[in-house]
Structure formats: C-alpha cells, structure tokens
Amino acid sequence: MDLKIDDLKAFVEIYKVGTFSAATAILGISQSALSQKVARIENVLQASIFVRHPRSLSLTSSGEKLFLYAKEVIEKQSDFLNNFDQYSHELNGVIRIAGFSSVMRSIIIPKLAPLMDKHPGIKIEFSTYEMFELKKVLTTNKVDFIITDYYPETKSFKEEKITEEEYVIIESKKHKEIPAIYIDHGAHDNATESYFRFLNEKPKYERIFMGEVYSIVDGVALGLGRAVMSKHIIENDKRFNIIKKKKKYIRDVVLSSLEQGYYSPLHKLIKKSLLTNL
C-alpha cells in the first residue's frame, strides 16, 4: 500500500490546527472521512501517528517522522506542478514567518518588503509571539520559519544566525522621578532578568507588563518605568536616555526552520534574503 498525498495533506492540516474538528471545517470533509484518511496512513505504517488528549493532540514518534516526510512531499509536488502552470512564470507561494516583536516590525518586514514588491505572486504572512512560544509554533507547522534571540538547539531544526541585537536600559528624558519599575511584555518575558544576570547585578525593582515592544516604548516615554530594550529601536528617538553600562549585552538573532531533505525555491529565496546583509 502507498501513502496518498491527499491523506498526507489532511494529516499535516490536522496537526497544524490541533484538532480533528477544526481540520474538517478547513478541509470541507466530514470527521468520518478525515478519520478514514488517518486510518489509511496508520494501516500503511502499522503505527499510530497521533496521541489524542481531551482537547488537543500530539504526535507519536512515528507521527513526528511522518510529519517531516509529508511536508517535504507536499512541497515537492507543489513546486513540480508550478513548472507546468502556463499562466505563471513568476515565483509564487506562501511563506509564514513568526518572531518576537522587536525584530519583526523594525527589521524583518522592511527587509522582505522589496522582495514581495518584486514578486507579486509571493505572499508572506508575518506573526509575533512571545519568545517561549516560538519553538512550538514551528514544530506544529503553524509557520515555516521562526526568529528567536537564542539557539533553540532542537534536533529537528536547522538554525542559523542572521544578525545580533544589543540590549540597553532606557528611561524617559522628560520625567525626572521614575519609579523603580521595569516594563516587560508579560510574566514569561525574562529580558530584564537576563540583562541584570549578565551584568551580575541584583537591583530591586517591580515589574509591569505592556504586551508588546512598542507599548513598552510608549510606557517608558510616559515615565511609567524603565525597560531593557533593543538599542536599534530607540537609538534615534530623542525621548529617551540610554543608561550606560561598562559591558555590552548582545544576543544573536537566529533563524530556524524544520530540517528536511527538500526546500522549495521560495523557502530558499526567503532564507537567502534574511541571511544576506541583515
């Protein structure tokens, strides 16, 4: 028996959206038909591919191997068929990129905008997540690339440095009395903690949360507290003082995708663009 590509597409979609019911709505088939597709795959492999939880699912070890294979087969077929599209002579397709907020709006989107302008058939979907969420976003195939400020060190990932960020402490120039508060994204954001750990300092401060990087910048400008911030975002902004330290705190910015034997021309072009002159 062979693995049918429609069954593989259904399998990838189920894993991407997280439940059978959500996948049926997207694929436009009944849950019974979808279950049959999964059953055919499991019959060929003689192995289970999903672990079902009350409100979600995960992959078995066989499912993890199948996922990488299925993703590669689907991309290969799509690229092959595009060669026979007599109406399309341009590079086309969709690439999904997720990263943390301080690089997406200020660096990644401006870097790729000229590429989208040059190739109208290319669609790039950008999304931002908290740093701790990004590994799961890639492993569940919600995106094709993630951008982090650390190396995920995950066996199934291909990881490459694309640039680096210097982090500094910023405060409002306008406000003279600034509370001992540091503003972060949320409770899981460890930027402030990591900065002071690097400097081997243990200042006393409280934390408040503003959700995303540009809200943090506005909060600092309003005198609500200080923040550890990517220097490139505020270095030309006259609203802020940068608190100077003897040691520079620099973190690598890392591009990761799933390790696979085949990458589409669009995947390669996006990667090359991000690795060049960033």
Protein backbone atom coordinates (compact mmCIF):
# COMPACT_ATOMS: atom_id res chain seq x y z
CA MET A 1 0.00 0.00 0.00
CA ASP A 2 1.10 3.57 -0.71
CA LEU A 3 0.69 6.81 1.18
CA LYS A 4 -1.79 9.01 -0.70
CA ILE A 5 -0.81 12.66 -0.93
CA ASP A 6 -4.35 13.81 -0.07
CA ASP A 7 -4.12 11.77 3.13
CA LEU A 8 -0.75 13.35 3.91
CA LYS A 9 -2.19 16.83 3.36
CA ALA A 10 -5.03 16.02 5.73
CA PHE A 11 -2.57 14.71 8.33
CA VAL A 12 -0.49 17.90 8.15
CA GLU A 13 -3.61 20.06 8.42
CA ILE A 14 -4.85 18.18 11.49
CA TYR A 15 -1.53 18.68 13.22
CA LYS A 16 -1.35 22.32 12.16
CA VAL A 17 -4.77 23.28 13.60
CA GLY A 18 -4.60 20.93 16.59
CA THR A 19 -7.92 19.04 16.41
CA PHE A 20 -9.89 16.84 14.01
CA SER A 21 -12.97 19.06 14.22
CA ALA A 22 -11.03 22.20 13.25
CA ALA A 23 -9.41 20.33 10.33
CA THR A 24 -12.77 19.12 8.99
CA ALA A 25 -14.01 22.71 8.77
CA ILE A 26 -10.91 23.78 6.82
CA LEU A 27 -10.78 20.75 4.53
CA GLY A 28 -14.54 20.66 3.93
CA ILE A 29 -14.96 16.96 4.68
CA SER A 30 -16.74 15.01 7.38
CA GLN A 31 -14.99 13.85 10.53
CA SER A 32 -15.65 10.27 9.43
CA ALA A 33 -13.85 10.87 6.11
CA LEU A 34 -10.98 12.55 7.91
CA SER A 35 -10.67 9.65 10.35
CA GLN A 36 -10.55 7.26 7.40
CA LYS A 37 -7.61 9.18 5.93
CA VAL A 38 -5.70 8.89 9.20
CA ALA A 39 -6.64 5.20 9.48
CA ARG A 40 -5.25 4.54 5.97
CA ILE A 41 -1.95 6.17 6.92
CA GLU A 42 -1.71 4.21 10.16
CA ASN A 43 -2.54 0.99 8.30
CA VAL A 44 0.31 1.59 5.83
CA LEU A 45 2.78 2.47 8.60
CA GLN A 46 1.44 -0.12 11.02
CA ALA A 47 1.82 2.52 13.70
CA SER A 48 -0.23 5.21 15.44
CA ILE A 49 0.58 8.77 14.42
CA PHE A 50 -1.46 10.83 16.91
CA VAL A 51 -1.76 10.85 20.68
CA ARG A 52 -5.24 12.16 21.46
CA HIS A 53 -5.73 14.38 24.51
CA PRO A 54 -9.09 15.73 25.78
CA ARG A 55 -8.86 18.99 23.85
CA SER A 56 -5.76 18.63 21.69
CA LEU A 57 -3.43 16.10 20.14
CA SER A 58 0.28 15.49 19.72
CA LEU A 59 2.42 13.28 17.50
CA THR A 60 3.83 9.88 18.34
CA SER A 61 7.44 9.19 17.40
CA SER A 62 6.15 7.67 14.14
CA GLY A 63 3.99 10.75 13.60
CA GLU A 64 6.99 13.04 14.02
CA LYS A 65 8.89 11.13 11.31
CA LEU A 66 5.84 11.16 9.05
CA PHE A 67 5.33 14.90 9.51
CA LEU A 68 8.77 15.78 8.11
CA TYR A 69 8.27 13.35 5.22
CA ALA A 70 4.77 14.64 4.43
CA LYS A 71 5.82 18.28 4.49
CA GLU A 72 8.64 17.55 2.04
CA VAL A 73 6.45 15.50 -0.33
CA ILE A 74 3.74 18.19 -0.42
CA GLU A 75 6.26 20.95 -1.16
CA LYS A 76 7.93 18.88 -3.89
CA GLN A 77 4.63 18.21 -5.63
CA SER A 78 3.58 21.86 -5.44
CA ASP A 79 6.87 23.06 -6.95
CA PHE A 80 6.76 20.40 -9.67
CA LEU A 81 3.22 21.32 -10.73
CA ASN A 82 4.10 25.02 -10.77
CA ASN A 83 6.59 24.24 -13.57
CA PHE A 84 3.62 23.26 -15.76
CA ASP A 85 1.47 26.28 -14.99
CA GLN A 86 1.42 28.04 -18.38
CA TYR A 87 -0.06 31.16 -16.81
CA SER A 88 2.57 31.57 -14.12
CA HIS A 89 6.16 32.48 -14.92
CA GLU A 90 6.75 34.20 -11.60
CA LEU A 91 7.82 32.77 -8.28
CA ASN A 92 4.73 32.30 -6.14
CA GLY A 93 3.54 30.73 -2.92
CA VAL A 94 3.02 31.44 0.76
CA ILE A 95 5.70 31.58 3.45
CA ARG A 96 4.85 32.08 7.13
CA ILE A 97 7.35 33.74 9.45
CA ALA A 98 6.98 34.18 13.21
CA GLY A 99 9.28 36.07 15.53
CA PHE A 100 9.49 38.34 18.54
CA SER A 101 8.12 41.85 18.28
CA SER A 102 11.35 43.85 18.50
CA VAL A 103 12.68 42.41 15.21
CA MET A 104 9.57 41.72 13.14
CA ARG A 105 8.32 45.27 12.58
CA SER A 106 11.66 47.05 12.64
CA ILE A 107 13.90 44.59 10.73
CA ILE A 108 12.25 41.54 9.15
CA ILE A 109 9.23 43.12 7.43
CA PRO A 110 11.25 46.04 5.92
CA LYS A 111 13.88 43.55 4.75
CA LEU A 112 11.37 41.35 2.89
CA ALA A 113 9.02 44.07 1.59
CA PRO A 114 11.12 44.73 -1.58
CA LEU A 115 11.03 41.00 -2.35
CA MET A 116 7.23 40.98 -2.14
CA ASP A 117 7.10 44.04 -4.38
CA LYS A 118 9.38 42.40 -6.96
CA HIS A 119 7.45 39.10 -6.95
CA PRO A 120 3.69 39.83 -6.67
CA GLY A 121 2.94 36.11 -6.51
CA ILE A 122 4.76 35.79 -3.18
CA LYS A 123 2.69 36.09 -0.04
CA ILE A 124 4.50 36.36 3.30
CA GLU A 125 2.48 36.03 6.48
CA PHE A 126 4.14 37.69 9.49
CA SER A 127 3.18 36.98 13.09
CA THR A 128 4.62 37.80 16.50
CA TYR A 129 4.73 35.57 19.57
CA GLU A 130 6.28 35.56 22.99
CA MET A 131 9.75 34.05 22.88
CA PHE A 132 8.78 30.92 24.80
CA GLU A 133 6.01 30.14 22.28
CA LEU A 134 8.10 30.15 19.11
CA LYS A 135 9.56 26.63 19.23
CA LYS A 136 6.10 25.07 19.45
CA VAL A 137 4.82 27.29 16.64
CA LEU A 138 7.46 25.80 14.32
CA THR A 139 7.20 22.18 15.45
CA THR A 140 3.42 22.22 14.93
CA ASN A 141 3.87 23.60 11.38
CA LYS A 142 1.98 26.82 12.03
CA VAL A 143 4.89 28.64 10.34
CA ASP A 144 7.83 27.89 8.03
CA PHE A 145 10.41 30.00 9.89
CA ILE A 146 10.83 31.30 13.42
CA ILE A 147 13.16 34.05 14.61
CA THR A 148 14.46 33.91 18.17
CA ASP A 149 17.13 35.63 20.26
CA TYR A 150 18.62 32.27 21.23
CA TYR A 151 19.51 28.97 19.58
CA PRO A 152 16.57 26.57 20.13
CA GLU A 153 19.02 23.62 19.98
CA THR A 154 16.28 21.31 18.73
CA LYS A 155 17.30 18.24 16.76
CA SER A 156 14.69 18.69 14.04
CA PHE A 157 15.55 22.39 13.49
CA LYS A 158 18.03 23.97 11.09
CA GLU A 159 19.32 27.04 12.95
CA GLU A 160 21.43 29.93 11.59
CA LYS A 161 22.42 33.33 12.94
CA ILE A 162 21.07 36.20 10.83
CA THR A 163 22.12 39.21 12.91
CA GLU A 164 22.52 40.32 16.52
CA GLU A 165 20.86 42.79 18.86
CA GLU A 166 22.36 44.96 21.58
CA TYR A 167 20.10 45.46 24.58
CA VAL A 168 20.23 48.59 26.74
CA ILE A 169 18.28 50.17 29.60
CA ILE A 170 16.16 53.12 28.55
CA GLU A 171 14.36 55.80 30.55
CA SER A 172 12.35 58.92 29.77
CA LYS A 173 14.26 62.20 29.34
CA LYS A 174 11.19 64.23 30.19
CA HIS A 175 10.33 62.64 33.54
CA LYS A 176 12.75 63.22 36.39
CA GLU A 177 11.19 60.96 39.01
CA ILE A 178 10.90 57.48 37.54
CA PRO A 179 9.62 54.63 39.75
CA ALA A 180 11.72 51.52 40.37
CA ILE A 181 9.68 49.62 37.82
CA TYR A 182 10.77 47.71 34.71
CA ILE A 183 8.32 47.13 31.90
CA ASP A 184 8.24 43.75 30.14
CA HIS A 185 5.95 42.00 27.65
CA GLY A 186 4.43 39.66 30.22
CA ALA A 187 5.20 37.32 33.10
CA HIS A 188 7.20 34.96 30.84
CA ASP A 189 9.42 37.74 29.45
CA ASN A 190 12.88 37.36 31.00
CA ALA A 191 14.62 40.24 29.19
CA THR A 192 15.11 42.35 32.33
CA GLU A 193 16.19 39.39 34.45
CA SER A 194 18.65 38.15 31.80
CA TYR A 195 20.15 41.63 31.39
CA PHE A 196 20.94 42.06 35.08
CA ARG A 197 22.15 38.48 35.37
CA PHE A 198 24.61 39.18 32.55
CA LEU A 199 25.87 42.28 34.39
CA ASN A 200 25.96 40.36 37.68
CA GLU A 201 23.71 42.98 39.26
CA LYS A 202 20.72 42.46 41.56
CA PRO A 203 18.77 45.73 41.73
CA LYS A 204 15.38 45.86 43.47
CA TYR A 205 12.51 46.63 41.13
CA GLU A 206 8.89 45.81 40.40
CA ARG A 207 7.55 44.71 37.03
CA ILE A 208 4.57 45.76 34.95
CA PHE A 209 3.54 44.33 31.61
CA MET A 210 2.56 46.05 28.37
CA GLY A 211 2.09 43.17 25.92
CA GLU A 212 4.39 44.16 23.04
CA VAL A 213 7.54 46.12 22.38
CA TYR A 214 6.07 49.38 21.06
CA SER A 215 3.68 49.61 24.00
CA ILE A 216 6.71 49.20 26.27
CA VAL A 217 8.46 52.03 24.43
CA ASP A 218 5.42 54.26 24.92
CA GLY A 219 5.20 53.30 28.58
CA VAL A 220 8.81 54.32 29.16
CA ALA A 221 8.26 57.60 27.29
CA LEU A 222 5.36 58.34 29.66
CA GLY A 223 7.61 57.84 32.70
CA LEU A 224 5.89 54.67 33.91
CA GLY A 225 9.20 52.88 34.38
CA ARG A 226 12.39 51.80 32.66
CA ALA A 227 12.89 48.93 30.23
CA VAL A 228 15.54 46.68 28.76
CA MET A 229 15.17 47.39 25.06
CA SER A 230 16.77 46.56 21.71
CA LYS A 231 19.02 49.53 21.02
CA HIS A 232 18.20 49.81 17.32
CA ILE A 233 14.55 50.55 18.11
CA ILE A 234 15.22 53.69 20.18
CA GLU A 235 18.72 54.93 19.37
CA ASN A 236 17.43 57.81 17.21
CA ASP A 237 14.47 58.56 19.48
CA LYS A 238 15.13 61.76 21.42
CA ARG A 239 12.55 60.91 24.09
CA PHE A 240 14.94 58.53 25.84
CA ASN A 241 18.15 58.36 27.82
CA ILE A 242 20.24 55.22 27.48
CA ILE A 243 21.70 54.19 30.83
CA LYS A 244 25.31 53.35 30.04
CA LYS A 245 26.97 50.19 31.37
CA LYS A 246 30.57 49.01 31.01
CA LYS A 247 29.59 45.70 29.39
CA LYS A 248 27.50 45.41 26.24
CA TYR A 249 24.69 42.88 26.35
CA ILE A 250 24.43 41.37 22.86
CA ARG A 251 22.27 38.42 21.79
CA ASP A 252 22.28 36.54 18.50
CA VAL A 253 19.16 36.65 16.35
CA VAL A 254 18.56 33.14 14.99
CA LEU A 255 16.52 31.92 12.02
CA SER A 256 15.15 28.37 12.38
CA SER A 257 13.19 26.08 10.08
CA LEU A 258 12.43 22.38 10.16
CA GLU A 259 15.29 20.19 8.95
CA GLN A 260 14.23 18.43 5.75
CA GLY A 261 15.74 16.98 2.60
CA TYR A 262 13.97 19.33 0.20
CA TYR A 263 13.31 23.07 0.34
CA SER A 264 11.16 24.95 -2.15
CA PRO A 265 12.68 27.75 -4.27
CA LEU A 266 10.59 30.25 -2.31
CA HIS A 267 11.85 28.88 1.00
CA LYS A 268 15.44 29.19 -0.24
CA LEU A 269 14.89 32.75 -1.52
CA ILE A 270 13.39 33.95 1.77
CA LYS A 271 16.21 32.35 3.73
CA LYS A 272 18.87 33.85 1.47
CA SER A 273 17.29 37.30 1.80
CA LEU A 274 17.33 37.07 5.60
CA LEU A 275 20.89 35.78 5.75
CA THR A 276 22.27 38.46 3.41
CA ASN A 277 23.20 41.95 4.65
CA LEU A 278 20.79 41.92 7.56
